[in-house]
Amino acid sequence: MQQRPPPVGGLTGNMEKIRTFIAVELPAELKQAKLKSSNPPVKWVDPANIHLTLKFLGDVDVAITGKITTALEEVVRGMPPFSIEATKLGVFPNINRIQIIWVGLFGDLPKLSGLQKRIEENLKPLGFPPEGRPFTPHLTLARVRDYARPEDRQKLGQLISAASFEGKYKIPVNSVNLMKSQLTREGPIYTKISAVTLK
């Protein structure tokens, strides 16, 4: 009889599970920066909920969060703090069929990509497979609602093409956080489980 593979996180049994991801905390002034739009099909992300996500883990057993934190401590070992900047608006998948509006990041991106790659490598032994798509660092600002018409998306694309992201926001990367995400009707609630500091 073929045995079932263990669930994500490498543990079996009826353990309590929580929805988690790994992210970099943003400065308060960037969280408070909120773009305005009169376009009704757009839902803007609550500024307090904007994070630079490095890896989404999904539902994991509470008991393994300590092992994840230990793995993150190994990830940042010998890695000094660095900084990046949020300076440019962008969209997914393209300007004519907008689904997500985001802010692009610039600066020391090779170090950020190296940090993300080390996270992938160190969490793989715990049962978290690497992402199948390339890492594209960005901050999600808004999502276009499903009922938006094609002409609504095109009009929004024109507005974004003509818009400019005012100011440059410096983002110090001095710690990596394991976050809990609790989904509610009012929106997600994020809670920090642990943080490891770059030294």
N, C-alpha and C. Protein backbone atom coordinates (compact mmCIF):
# COMPACT_ATOMS: atom_id res chain seq x y z
N MET A 1 0.85 -1.20 0.00
CA MET A 1 0.00 0.00 0.00
C MET A 1 0.88 1.24 0.00
N GLN A 2 0.59 2.17 -0.91
CA GLN A 2 1.41 3.36 -1.04
C GLN A 2 1.10 4.34 0.10
N GLN A 3 2.15 4.86 0.72
CA GLN A 3 1.97 5.80 1.81
C GLN A 3 1.77 7.20 1.27
N ARG A 4 0.95 7.99 1.96
CA ARG A 4 0.74 9.38 1.58
C ARG A 4 1.95 10.21 1.99
N PRO A 5 2.33 11.18 1.15
CA PRO A 5 3.44 12.05 1.53
C PRO A 5 3.04 12.95 2.69
N PRO A 6 4.00 13.35 3.53
CA PRO A 6 3.67 14.24 4.65
C PRO A 6 3.22 15.58 4.14
N PRO A 7 2.42 16.32 4.92
CA PRO A 7 1.97 17.64 4.50
C PRO A 7 3.11 18.63 4.45
N VAL A 8 2.88 19.77 3.80
CA VAL A 8 3.89 20.82 3.75
C VAL A 8 4.32 21.20 5.16
N GLY A 9 5.60 21.32 5.37
CA GLY A 9 6.09 21.61 6.71
C GLY A 9 6.74 20.39 7.33
N GLY A 10 6.56 19.22 6.71
CA GLY A 10 7.28 18.03 7.12
C GLY A 10 6.75 17.34 8.36
N LEU A 11 5.55 17.70 8.83
CA LEU A 11 5.00 17.06 10.03
C LEU A 11 3.69 16.38 9.70
N THR A 12 3.37 15.34 10.44
CA THR A 12 2.11 14.64 10.27
C THR A 12 1.28 14.84 11.52
N GLY A 13 0.01 14.43 11.42
CA GLY A 13 -0.85 14.56 12.59
C GLY A 13 -1.78 15.75 12.46
N ASN A 14 -2.66 15.91 13.45
CA ASN A 14 -3.65 16.97 13.42
C ASN A 14 -3.16 18.18 14.20
N MET A 15 -2.06 18.75 13.76
CA MET A 15 -1.50 19.93 14.41
C MET A 15 -2.24 21.17 13.93
N GLU A 16 -2.22 22.21 14.76
CA GLU A 16 -2.82 23.48 14.37
C GLU A 16 -2.01 24.09 13.22
N LYS A 17 -2.70 24.56 12.19
CA LYS A 17 -2.03 25.15 11.05
C LYS A 17 -2.31 26.64 10.97
N ILE A 18 -1.32 27.39 10.50
CA ILE A 18 -1.48 28.82 10.30
C ILE A 18 -0.95 29.18 8.92
N ARG A 19 -1.53 30.21 8.33
CA ARG A 19 -1.13 30.70 7.01
C ARG A 19 0.05 31.65 7.20
N THR A 20 1.18 31.38 6.53
CA THR A 20 2.39 32.15 6.81
C THR A 20 3.11 32.58 5.53
N PHE A 21 3.95 33.59 5.69
CA PHE A 21 4.85 34.02 4.62
C PHE A 21 6.05 34.70 5.25
N ILE A 22 7.10 34.89 4.45
CA ILE A 22 8.33 35.53 4.90
C ILE A 22 8.46 36.87 4.20
N ALA A 23 8.72 37.93 4.97
CA ALA A 23 8.70 39.26 4.38
C ALA A 23 9.68 40.20 5.05
N VAL A 24 9.92 41.32 4.37
CA VAL A 24 10.71 42.42 4.92
C VAL A 24 9.73 43.52 5.35
N GLU A 25 9.91 44.04 6.54
CA GLU A 25 9.07 45.13 7.05
C GLU A 25 9.39 46.42 6.31
N LEU A 26 8.36 47.26 6.10
CA LEU A 26 8.55 48.52 5.39
C LEU A 26 8.54 49.70 6.36
N PRO A 27 9.21 50.80 5.99
CA PRO A 27 9.17 52.00 6.82
C PRO A 27 7.75 52.54 6.94
N ALA A 28 7.45 53.17 8.07
CA ALA A 28 6.10 53.69 8.31
C ALA A 28 5.67 54.69 7.25
N GLU A 29 6.61 55.54 6.79
CA GLU A 29 6.23 56.56 5.82
C GLU A 29 5.82 55.96 4.48
N LEU A 30 6.38 54.78 4.14
CA LEU A 30 5.97 54.13 2.91
C LEU A 30 4.62 53.46 3.08
N LYS A 31 4.35 52.91 4.24
CA LYS A 31 3.05 52.30 4.49
C LYS A 31 1.94 53.35 4.44
N GLN A 32 2.27 54.58 4.82
CA GLN A 32 1.27 55.62 4.85
C GLN A 32 1.07 56.26 3.49
N ALA A 33 1.98 56.00 2.55
CA ALA A 33 1.84 56.57 1.21
C ALA A 33 0.78 55.78 0.46
N LYS A 34 -0.32 56.42 0.15
CA LYS A 34 -1.44 55.73 -0.48
C LYS A 34 -1.87 56.48 -1.73
N LEU A 35 -1.83 55.81 -2.89
CA LEU A 35 -2.29 56.42 -4.13
C LEU A 35 -3.81 56.44 -4.15
N LYS A 36 -4.36 57.45 -4.82
CA LYS A 36 -5.81 57.59 -4.89
C LYS A 36 -6.28 57.33 -6.32
N SER A 37 -7.44 56.76 -6.45
CA SER A 37 -7.99 56.48 -7.76
C SER A 37 -9.51 56.63 -7.72
N SER A 38 -10.06 57.17 -8.77
CA SER A 38 -11.51 57.29 -8.87
C SER A 38 -12.10 56.12 -9.66
N ASN A 39 -11.27 55.19 -10.04
CA ASN A 39 -11.72 54.06 -10.84
C ASN A 39 -12.36 53.02 -9.94
N PRO A 40 -13.67 52.78 -10.05
CA PRO A 40 -14.38 51.90 -9.12
C PRO A 40 -13.95 50.45 -9.12
N PRO A 41 -13.44 49.86 -10.26
CA PRO A 41 -13.08 48.44 -10.19
C PRO A 41 -11.80 48.14 -9.42
N VAL A 42 -11.15 49.15 -8.87
CA VAL A 42 -9.87 48.94 -8.20
C VAL A 42 -10.04 48.86 -6.68
N LYS A 43 -9.42 47.84 -6.08
CA LYS A 43 -9.40 47.73 -4.62
C LYS A 43 -7.97 47.95 -4.15
N TRP A 44 -7.74 49.04 -3.41
CA TRP A 44 -6.39 49.36 -2.94
C TRP A 44 -6.06 48.56 -1.69
N VAL A 45 -4.82 48.12 -1.60
CA VAL A 45 -4.35 47.39 -0.42
C VAL A 45 -4.21 48.37 0.74
N ASP A 46 -4.64 47.96 1.91
CA ASP A 46 -4.45 48.77 3.12
C ASP A 46 -2.95 49.02 3.29
N PRO A 47 -2.52 50.30 3.37
CA PRO A 47 -1.08 50.59 3.50
C PRO A 47 -0.41 49.82 4.63
N ALA A 48 -1.13 49.59 5.72
CA ALA A 48 -0.53 48.87 6.85
C ALA A 48 -0.23 47.41 6.51
N ASN A 49 -0.85 46.90 5.44
CA ASN A 49 -0.68 45.50 5.07
C ASN A 49 0.33 45.28 3.93
N ILE A 50 0.99 46.36 3.49
CA ILE A 50 1.95 46.22 2.41
C ILE A 50 3.29 45.72 2.95
N HIS A 51 3.75 44.59 2.43
CA HIS A 51 5.03 44.02 2.83
C HIS A 51 5.80 43.62 1.58
N LEU A 52 7.09 43.52 1.71
CA LEU A 52 7.92 42.98 0.64
C LEU A 52 8.03 41.48 0.89
N THR A 53 7.19 40.72 0.22
CA THR A 53 7.14 39.28 0.43
C THR A 53 8.31 38.59 -0.28
N LEU A 54 9.05 37.78 0.47
CA LEU A 54 10.17 37.03 -0.08
C LEU A 54 9.79 35.60 -0.41
N LYS A 55 8.86 35.03 0.36
CA LYS A 55 8.39 33.67 0.07
C LYS A 55 7.06 33.43 0.79
N PHE A 56 6.08 32.94 0.06
CA PHE A 56 4.80 32.55 0.65
C PHE A 56 4.87 31.08 1.00
N LEU A 57 4.57 30.75 2.24
CA LEU A 57 4.69 29.37 2.71
C LEU A 57 3.36 28.64 2.70
N GLY A 58 2.25 29.37 2.84
CA GLY A 58 0.94 28.72 2.89
C GLY A 58 0.63 28.24 4.30
N ASP A 59 -0.23 27.24 4.42
CA ASP A 59 -0.63 26.71 5.72
C ASP A 59 0.45 25.77 6.26
N VAL A 60 0.99 26.09 7.41
CA VAL A 60 2.02 25.25 8.03
C VAL A 60 1.63 24.92 9.47
N ASP A 61 2.19 23.85 9.98
CA ASP A 61 1.95 23.48 11.38
C ASP A 61 2.63 24.47 12.31
N VAL A 62 1.92 24.87 13.34
CA VAL A 62 2.47 25.81 14.32
C VAL A 62 3.77 25.28 14.89
N ALA A 63 3.85 23.97 15.08
CA ALA A 63 5.03 23.37 15.71
C ALA A 63 6.31 23.54 14.90
N ILE A 64 6.19 23.83 13.60
CA ILE A 64 7.40 23.93 12.78
C ILE A 64 7.89 25.37 12.63
N THR A 65 7.15 26.34 13.19
CA THR A 65 7.57 27.73 13.04
C THR A 65 8.93 27.99 13.67
N GLY A 66 9.26 27.28 14.73
CA GLY A 66 10.57 27.42 15.35
C GLY A 66 11.68 26.96 14.41
N LYS A 67 11.43 25.87 13.68
CA LYS A 67 12.42 25.37 12.72
C LYS A 67 12.58 26.33 11.56
N ILE A 68 11.48 26.97 11.15
CA ILE A 68 11.56 27.96 10.07
C ILE A 68 12.41 29.14 10.51
N THR A 69 12.19 29.60 11.75
CA THR A 69 12.98 30.71 12.28
C THR A 69 14.46 30.35 12.35
N THR A 70 14.76 29.13 12.79
CA THR A 70 16.15 28.68 12.84
C THR A 70 16.77 28.67 11.45
N ALA A 71 16.00 28.23 10.46
CA ALA A 71 16.50 28.22 9.08
C ALA A 71 16.77 29.65 8.59
N LEU A 72 15.91 30.59 8.99
CA LEU A 72 16.11 31.99 8.59
C LEU A 72 17.35 32.58 9.28
N GLU A 73 17.62 32.15 10.49
CA GLU A 73 18.83 32.61 11.18
C GLU A 73 20.08 32.18 10.42
N GLU A 74 20.03 30.98 9.86
CA GLU A 74 21.15 30.49 9.05
C GLU A 74 21.24 31.26 7.73
N VAL A 75 20.08 31.63 7.20
CA VAL A 75 20.05 32.39 5.94
C VAL A 75 20.80 33.71 6.07
N VAL A 76 20.55 34.44 7.16
CA VAL A 76 21.11 35.80 7.29
C VAL A 76 22.49 35.81 7.95
N ARG A 77 22.99 34.65 8.34
CA ARG A 77 24.29 34.59 9.01
C ARG A 77 25.39 35.20 8.12
N GLY A 78 26.09 36.20 8.65
CA GLY A 78 27.16 36.85 7.91
C GLY A 78 26.70 37.82 6.84
N MET A 79 25.40 38.11 6.80
CA MET A 79 24.88 39.02 5.78
C MET A 79 24.61 40.40 6.41
N PRO A 80 25.32 41.44 6.00
CA PRO A 80 25.10 42.77 6.56
C PRO A 80 23.83 43.41 6.02
N PRO A 81 23.25 44.38 6.74
CA PRO A 81 22.06 45.08 6.24
C PRO A 81 22.36 45.82 4.95
N PHE A 82 21.32 46.04 4.15
CA PHE A 82 21.44 46.82 2.92
C PHE A 82 20.12 47.55 2.70
N SER A 83 20.01 48.30 1.63
CA SER A 83 18.78 49.04 1.39
C SER A 83 18.39 49.02 -0.08
N ILE A 84 17.11 49.20 -0.32
CA ILE A 84 16.57 49.31 -1.67
C ILE A 84 15.61 50.49 -1.70
N GLU A 85 15.10 50.83 -2.87
CA GLU A 85 14.19 51.97 -3.00
C GLU A 85 12.95 51.59 -3.81
N ALA A 86 11.82 52.18 -3.41
CA ALA A 86 10.58 52.04 -4.17
C ALA A 86 10.40 53.31 -4.99
N THR A 87 10.42 53.18 -6.33
CA THR A 87 10.46 54.39 -7.15
C THR A 87 9.61 54.35 -8.42
N LYS A 88 8.94 53.25 -8.76
CA LYS A 88 8.30 53.18 -10.06
C LYS A 88 7.02 52.35 -10.02
N LEU A 89 5.98 52.81 -10.72
CA LEU A 89 4.74 52.06 -10.82
C LEU A 89 4.83 51.02 -11.93
N GLY A 90 4.16 49.89 -11.72
CA GLY A 90 4.11 48.85 -12.73
C GLY A 90 2.82 48.06 -12.60
N VAL A 91 2.58 47.13 -13.53
CA VAL A 91 1.34 46.34 -13.52
C VAL A 91 1.64 44.90 -13.92
N PHE A 92 0.75 44.00 -13.53
CA PHE A 92 0.74 42.62 -13.99
C PHE A 92 -0.62 42.35 -14.63
N PRO A 93 -0.77 41.57 -15.71
CA PRO A 93 0.34 41.03 -16.50
C PRO A 93 0.87 42.03 -17.52
N ASN A 94 0.00 42.98 -17.99
CA ASN A 94 0.46 44.02 -18.92
C ASN A 94 -0.48 45.21 -18.84
N ILE A 95 -0.11 46.30 -19.50
CA ILE A 95 -0.80 47.57 -19.36
C ILE A 95 -2.21 47.54 -19.95
N ASN A 96 -2.51 46.59 -20.84
CA ASN A 96 -3.83 46.51 -21.47
C ASN A 96 -4.78 45.56 -20.74
N ARG A 97 -4.24 44.68 -19.91
CA ARG A 97 -5.08 43.71 -19.17
C ARG A 97 -4.68 43.72 -17.70
N ILE A 98 -4.76 44.86 -17.09
CA ILE A 98 -4.25 45.03 -15.72
C ILE A 98 -5.05 44.18 -14.73
N GLN A 99 -4.32 43.45 -13.92
CA GLN A 99 -4.91 42.72 -12.80
C GLN A 99 -4.35 43.22 -11.46
N ILE A 100 -3.06 43.56 -11.46
CA ILE A 100 -2.40 44.02 -10.23
C ILE A 100 -1.57 45.27 -10.53
N ILE A 101 -1.65 46.25 -9.61
CA ILE A 101 -0.83 47.46 -9.69
C ILE A 101 0.22 47.37 -8.60
N TRP A 102 1.48 47.62 -8.96
CA TRP A 102 2.55 47.46 -7.99
C TRP A 102 3.57 48.58 -8.10
N VAL A 103 4.42 48.67 -7.09
CA VAL A 103 5.55 49.59 -7.10
C VAL A 103 6.82 48.78 -7.27
N GLY A 104 7.63 49.15 -8.26
CA GLY A 104 8.88 48.45 -8.50
C GLY A 104 9.97 48.89 -7.56
N LEU A 105 10.98 48.04 -7.39
CA LEU A 105 12.07 48.30 -6.46
C LEU A 105 13.39 48.41 -7.20
N PHE A 106 14.24 49.29 -6.70
CA PHE A 106 15.56 49.51 -7.29
C PHE A 106 16.59 49.55 -6.17
N GLY A 107 17.84 49.69 -6.54
CA GLY A 107 18.90 49.74 -5.54
C GLY A 107 19.69 48.45 -5.53
N ASP A 108 19.99 47.94 -4.34
CA ASP A 108 20.84 46.76 -4.20
C ASP A 108 20.04 45.47 -4.40
N LEU A 109 19.47 45.33 -5.60
CA LEU A 109 18.63 44.16 -5.87
C LEU A 109 19.40 42.84 -5.92
N PRO A 110 20.68 42.83 -6.35
CA PRO A 110 21.41 41.55 -6.30
C PRO A 110 21.47 40.96 -4.89
N LYS A 111 21.64 41.82 -3.87
CA LYS A 111 21.66 41.32 -2.49
C LYS A 111 20.28 40.82 -2.09
N LEU A 112 19.22 41.53 -2.53
CA LEU A 112 17.86 41.09 -2.21
C LEU A 112 17.57 39.74 -2.87
N SER A 113 17.96 39.60 -4.12
CA SER A 113 17.75 38.33 -4.82
C SER A 113 18.57 37.21 -4.18
N GLY A 114 19.79 37.54 -3.73
CA GLY A 114 20.60 36.55 -3.04
C GLY A 114 19.97 36.11 -1.74
N LEU A 115 19.38 37.06 -1.01
CA LEU A 115 18.68 36.74 0.24
C LEU A 115 17.50 35.83 -0.03
N GLN A 116 16.72 36.15 -1.05
CA GLN A 116 15.56 35.34 -1.38
C GLN A 116 15.97 33.93 -1.81
N LYS A 117 17.06 33.82 -2.57
CA LYS A 117 17.54 32.52 -3.01
C LYS A 117 18.00 31.66 -1.84
N ARG A 118 18.66 32.29 -0.88
CA ARG A 118 19.11 31.55 0.31
C ARG A 118 17.93 31.07 1.14
N ILE A 119 16.85 31.87 1.16
CA ILE A 119 15.63 31.44 1.86
C ILE A 119 15.07 30.19 1.18
N GLU A 120 15.01 30.21 -0.15
CA GLU A 120 14.50 29.04 -0.88
C GLU A 120 15.34 27.80 -0.56
N GLU A 121 16.66 27.93 -0.59
CA GLU A 121 17.55 26.79 -0.37
C GLU A 121 17.45 26.25 1.06
N ASN A 122 17.35 27.15 2.03
CA ASN A 122 17.34 26.70 3.43
C ASN A 122 15.99 26.15 3.88
N LEU A 123 14.93 26.51 3.19
CA LEU A 123 13.61 25.99 3.58
C LEU A 123 13.23 24.72 2.83
N LYS A 124 13.96 24.41 1.78
CA LYS A 124 13.66 23.21 1.01
C LYS A 124 13.73 21.94 1.86
N PRO A 125 14.74 21.78 2.76
CA PRO A 125 14.77 20.57 3.60
C PRO A 125 13.58 20.46 4.55
N LEU A 126 12.88 21.57 4.81
CA LEU A 126 11.72 21.53 5.71
C LEU A 126 10.44 21.19 4.96
N GLY A 127 10.54 20.97 3.66
CA GLY A 127 9.36 20.58 2.90
C GLY A 127 8.72 21.69 2.11
N PHE A 128 9.43 22.81 1.93
CA PHE A 128 8.89 23.93 1.16
C PHE A 128 9.63 24.01 -0.18
N PRO A 129 9.01 23.58 -1.27
CA PRO A 129 9.69 23.57 -2.57
C PRO A 129 9.93 25.00 -3.06
N PRO A 130 11.00 25.21 -3.82
CA PRO A 130 11.28 26.54 -4.38
C PRO A 130 10.19 26.97 -5.35
N GLU A 131 10.04 28.28 -5.50
CA GLU A 131 9.07 28.82 -6.45
C GLU A 131 9.47 28.43 -7.87
N GLY A 132 8.47 28.16 -8.68
CA GLY A 132 8.75 27.77 -10.06
C GLY A 132 8.98 28.95 -10.98
N ARG A 133 8.59 30.16 -10.53
CA ARG A 133 8.76 31.35 -11.37
C ARG A 133 9.84 32.25 -10.78
N PRO A 134 10.46 33.08 -11.62
CA PRO A 134 11.53 33.96 -11.15
C PRO A 134 11.03 34.94 -10.08
N PHE A 135 11.92 35.31 -9.18
CA PHE A 135 11.61 36.27 -8.13
C PHE A 135 11.56 37.68 -8.73
N THR A 136 10.40 38.35 -8.62
CA THR A 136 10.22 39.71 -9.12
C THR A 136 9.86 40.60 -7.94
N PRO A 137 10.83 41.26 -7.33
CA PRO A 137 10.55 42.06 -6.13
C PRO A 137 9.65 43.25 -6.44
N HIS A 138 8.55 43.36 -5.70
CA HIS A 138 7.60 44.45 -5.90
C HIS A 138 6.71 44.57 -4.68
N LEU A 139 5.99 45.68 -4.60
CA LEU A 139 5.03 45.93 -3.54
C LEU A 139 3.65 46.06 -4.19
N THR A 140 2.74 45.17 -3.86
CA THR A 140 1.39 45.23 -4.45
C THR A 140 0.60 46.36 -3.81
N LEU A 141 0.10 47.27 -4.65
CA LEU A 141 -0.69 48.41 -4.17
C LEU A 141 -2.18 48.20 -4.36
N ALA A 142 -2.58 47.53 -5.44
CA ALA A 142 -4.01 47.40 -5.72
C ALA A 142 -4.26 46.21 -6.62
N ARG A 143 -5.49 45.71 -6.56
CA ARG A 143 -5.94 44.63 -7.45
C ARG A 143 -7.19 45.09 -8.16
N VAL A 144 -7.25 44.82 -9.46
CA VAL A 144 -8.44 45.16 -10.23
C VAL A 144 -9.50 44.10 -9.98
N ARG A 145 -10.69 44.53 -9.68
CA ARG A 145 -11.76 43.58 -9.34
C ARG A 145 -12.16 42.74 -10.55
N ASP A 146 -12.68 41.54 -10.27
CA ASP A 146 -12.99 40.59 -11.33
C ASP A 146 -14.03 41.13 -12.30
N TYR A 147 -14.94 41.97 -11.81
CA TYR A 147 -16.02 42.44 -12.67
C TYR A 147 -15.61 43.61 -13.57
N ALA A 148 -14.37 44.07 -13.49
CA ALA A 148 -13.90 45.18 -14.32
C ALA A 148 -13.96 44.81 -15.81
N ARG A 149 -14.50 45.70 -16.61
CA ARG A 149 -14.60 45.47 -18.06
C ARG A 149 -13.24 45.71 -18.73
N PRO A 150 -13.03 45.12 -19.92
CA PRO A 150 -11.76 45.35 -20.64
C PRO A 150 -11.47 46.83 -20.85
N GLU A 151 -12.52 47.62 -21.15
CA GLU A 151 -12.29 49.05 -21.36
C GLU A 151 -11.88 49.76 -20.06
N ASP A 152 -12.39 49.24 -18.91
CA ASP A 152 -11.98 49.80 -17.61
C ASP A 152 -10.49 49.57 -17.38
N ARG A 153 -10.03 48.36 -17.72
CA ARG A 153 -8.63 48.01 -17.52
C ARG A 153 -7.72 48.84 -18.44
N GLN A 154 -8.17 49.06 -19.68
CA GLN A 154 -7.39 49.86 -20.61
C GLN A 154 -7.30 51.31 -20.16
N LYS A 155 -8.42 51.84 -19.68
CA LYS A 155 -8.43 53.22 -19.19
C LYS A 155 -7.51 53.37 -17.99
N LEU A 156 -7.54 52.38 -17.10
CA LEU A 156 -6.66 52.41 -15.94
C LEU A 156 -5.19 52.34 -16.37
N GLY A 157 -4.93 51.53 -17.40
CA GLY A 157 -3.57 51.43 -17.92
C GLY A 157 -3.06 52.75 -18.44
N GLN A 158 -3.92 53.50 -19.10
CA GLN A 158 -3.55 54.82 -19.61
C GLN A 158 -3.24 55.78 -18.47
N LEU A 159 -4.04 55.70 -17.39
CA LEU A 159 -3.80 56.57 -16.23
C LEU A 159 -2.46 56.26 -15.58
N ILE A 160 -2.15 54.96 -15.46
CA ILE A 160 -0.90 54.55 -14.82
C ILE A 160 0.29 54.93 -15.68
N SER A 161 0.14 54.80 -17.00
CA SER A 161 1.23 55.15 -17.91
C SER A 161 1.59 56.63 -17.79
N ALA A 162 0.57 57.46 -17.53
CA ALA A 162 0.78 58.90 -17.44
C ALA A 162 1.14 59.35 -16.02
N ALA A 163 1.01 58.45 -15.06
CA ALA A 163 1.24 58.82 -13.66
C ALA A 163 2.71 58.65 -13.29
N SER A 164 3.10 59.31 -12.22
CA SER A 164 4.46 59.17 -11.70
C SER A 164 4.37 58.88 -10.21
N PHE A 165 5.27 58.05 -9.74
CA PHE A 165 5.34 57.73 -8.31
C PHE A 165 6.15 58.81 -7.63
N GLU A 166 5.48 59.63 -6.84
CA GLU A 166 6.13 60.81 -6.28
C GLU A 166 7.07 60.43 -5.14
N GLY A 167 8.32 60.84 -5.29
CA GLY A 167 9.29 60.62 -4.22
C GLY A 167 9.94 59.26 -4.31
N LYS A 168 11.04 59.12 -3.60
CA LYS A 168 11.74 57.85 -3.48
C LYS A 168 11.71 57.41 -2.03
N TYR A 169 11.28 56.20 -1.80
CA TYR A 169 11.17 55.68 -0.45
C TYR A 169 12.26 54.65 -0.20
N LYS A 170 13.13 54.93 0.73
CA LYS A 170 14.21 54.02 1.04
C LYS A 170 13.70 52.93 1.97
N ILE A 171 14.04 51.70 1.65
CA ILE A 171 13.61 50.54 2.44
C ILE A 171 14.85 49.85 3.00
N PRO A 172 15.13 50.02 4.30
CA PRO A 172 16.26 49.32 4.88
C PRO A 172 15.93 47.84 5.08
N VAL A 173 16.78 46.97 4.59
CA VAL A 173 16.60 45.54 4.78
C VAL A 173 17.55 45.11 5.89
N ASN A 174 17.07 45.20 7.13
CA ASN A 174 17.90 44.85 8.28
C ASN A 174 17.35 43.68 9.08
N SER A 175 16.21 43.13 8.63
CA SER A 175 15.67 41.93 9.28
C SER A 175 14.74 41.21 8.33
N VAL A 176 14.53 39.93 8.59
CA VAL A 176 13.61 39.10 7.83
C VAL A 176 12.59 38.54 8.81
N ASN A 177 11.31 38.65 8.46
CA ASN A 177 10.24 38.31 9.40
C ASN A 177 9.41 37.13 8.92
N LEU A 178 9.08 36.25 9.84
CA LEU A 178 8.10 35.20 9.59
C LEU A 178 6.75 35.75 10.03
N MET A 179 5.81 35.83 9.09
CA MET A 179 4.53 36.48 9.34
C MET A 179 3.37 35.48 9.32
N LYS A 180 2.36 35.76 10.13
CA LYS A 180 1.11 35.01 10.11
C LYS A 180 0.06 35.84 9.40
N SER A 181 -0.69 35.21 8.51
CA SER A 181 -1.75 35.89 7.77
C SER A 181 -3.08 35.27 8.13
N GLN A 182 -3.96 36.07 8.71
CA GLN A 182 -5.30 35.61 9.08
C GLN A 182 -6.31 36.30 8.17
N LEU A 183 -7.02 35.52 7.37
CA LEU A 183 -7.97 36.08 6.42
C LEU A 183 -9.31 36.34 7.10
N THR A 184 -9.82 37.56 6.95
CA THR A 184 -11.13 37.93 7.51
C THR A 184 -11.95 38.64 6.44
N ARG A 185 -13.22 38.86 6.72
CA ARG A 185 -14.08 39.56 5.76
C ARG A 185 -13.64 41.00 5.55
N GLU A 186 -13.04 41.58 6.57
CA GLU A 186 -12.58 42.96 6.49
C GLU A 186 -11.22 43.08 5.81
N GLY A 187 -10.59 41.95 5.57
CA GLY A 187 -9.27 41.95 4.96
C GLY A 187 -8.30 41.15 5.80
N PRO A 188 -7.10 40.89 5.30
CA PRO A 188 -6.13 40.08 6.05
C PRO A 188 -5.56 40.82 7.25
N ILE A 189 -5.25 40.06 8.29
CA ILE A 189 -4.59 40.61 9.47
C ILE A 189 -3.23 39.93 9.56
N TYR A 190 -2.16 40.74 9.57
CA TYR A 190 -0.81 40.21 9.60
C TYR A 190 -0.21 40.37 10.98
N THR A 191 0.40 39.30 11.47
CA THR A 191 1.04 39.30 12.78
C THR A 191 2.45 38.74 12.65
N LYS A 192 3.41 39.41 13.27
CA LYS A 192 4.79 38.94 13.20
C LYS A 192 5.00 37.79 14.19
N ILE A 193 5.46 36.65 13.68
CA ILE A 193 5.75 35.50 14.53
C ILE A 193 7.18 35.59 15.08
N SER A 194 8.12 35.90 14.20
CA SER A 194 9.51 36.02 14.61
C SER A 194 10.25 36.91 13.63
N ALA A 195 11.42 37.41 14.06
CA ALA A 195 12.25 38.24 13.21
C ALA A 195 13.71 37.87 13.44
N VAL A 196 14.45 37.79 12.35
CA VAL A 196 15.90 37.54 12.46
C VAL A 196 16.62 38.75 11.85
N THR A 197 17.69 39.19 12.51
CA THR A 197 18.34 40.43 12.14
C THR A 197 19.59 40.18 11.32
N LEU A 198 19.75 40.97 10.26
CA LEU A 198 20.98 40.93 9.47
C LEU A 198 22.07 41.68 10.24
N LYS A 199 23.25 41.10 10.33
CA LYS A 199 24.32 41.71 11.12
C LYS A 199 25.59 41.78 10.29
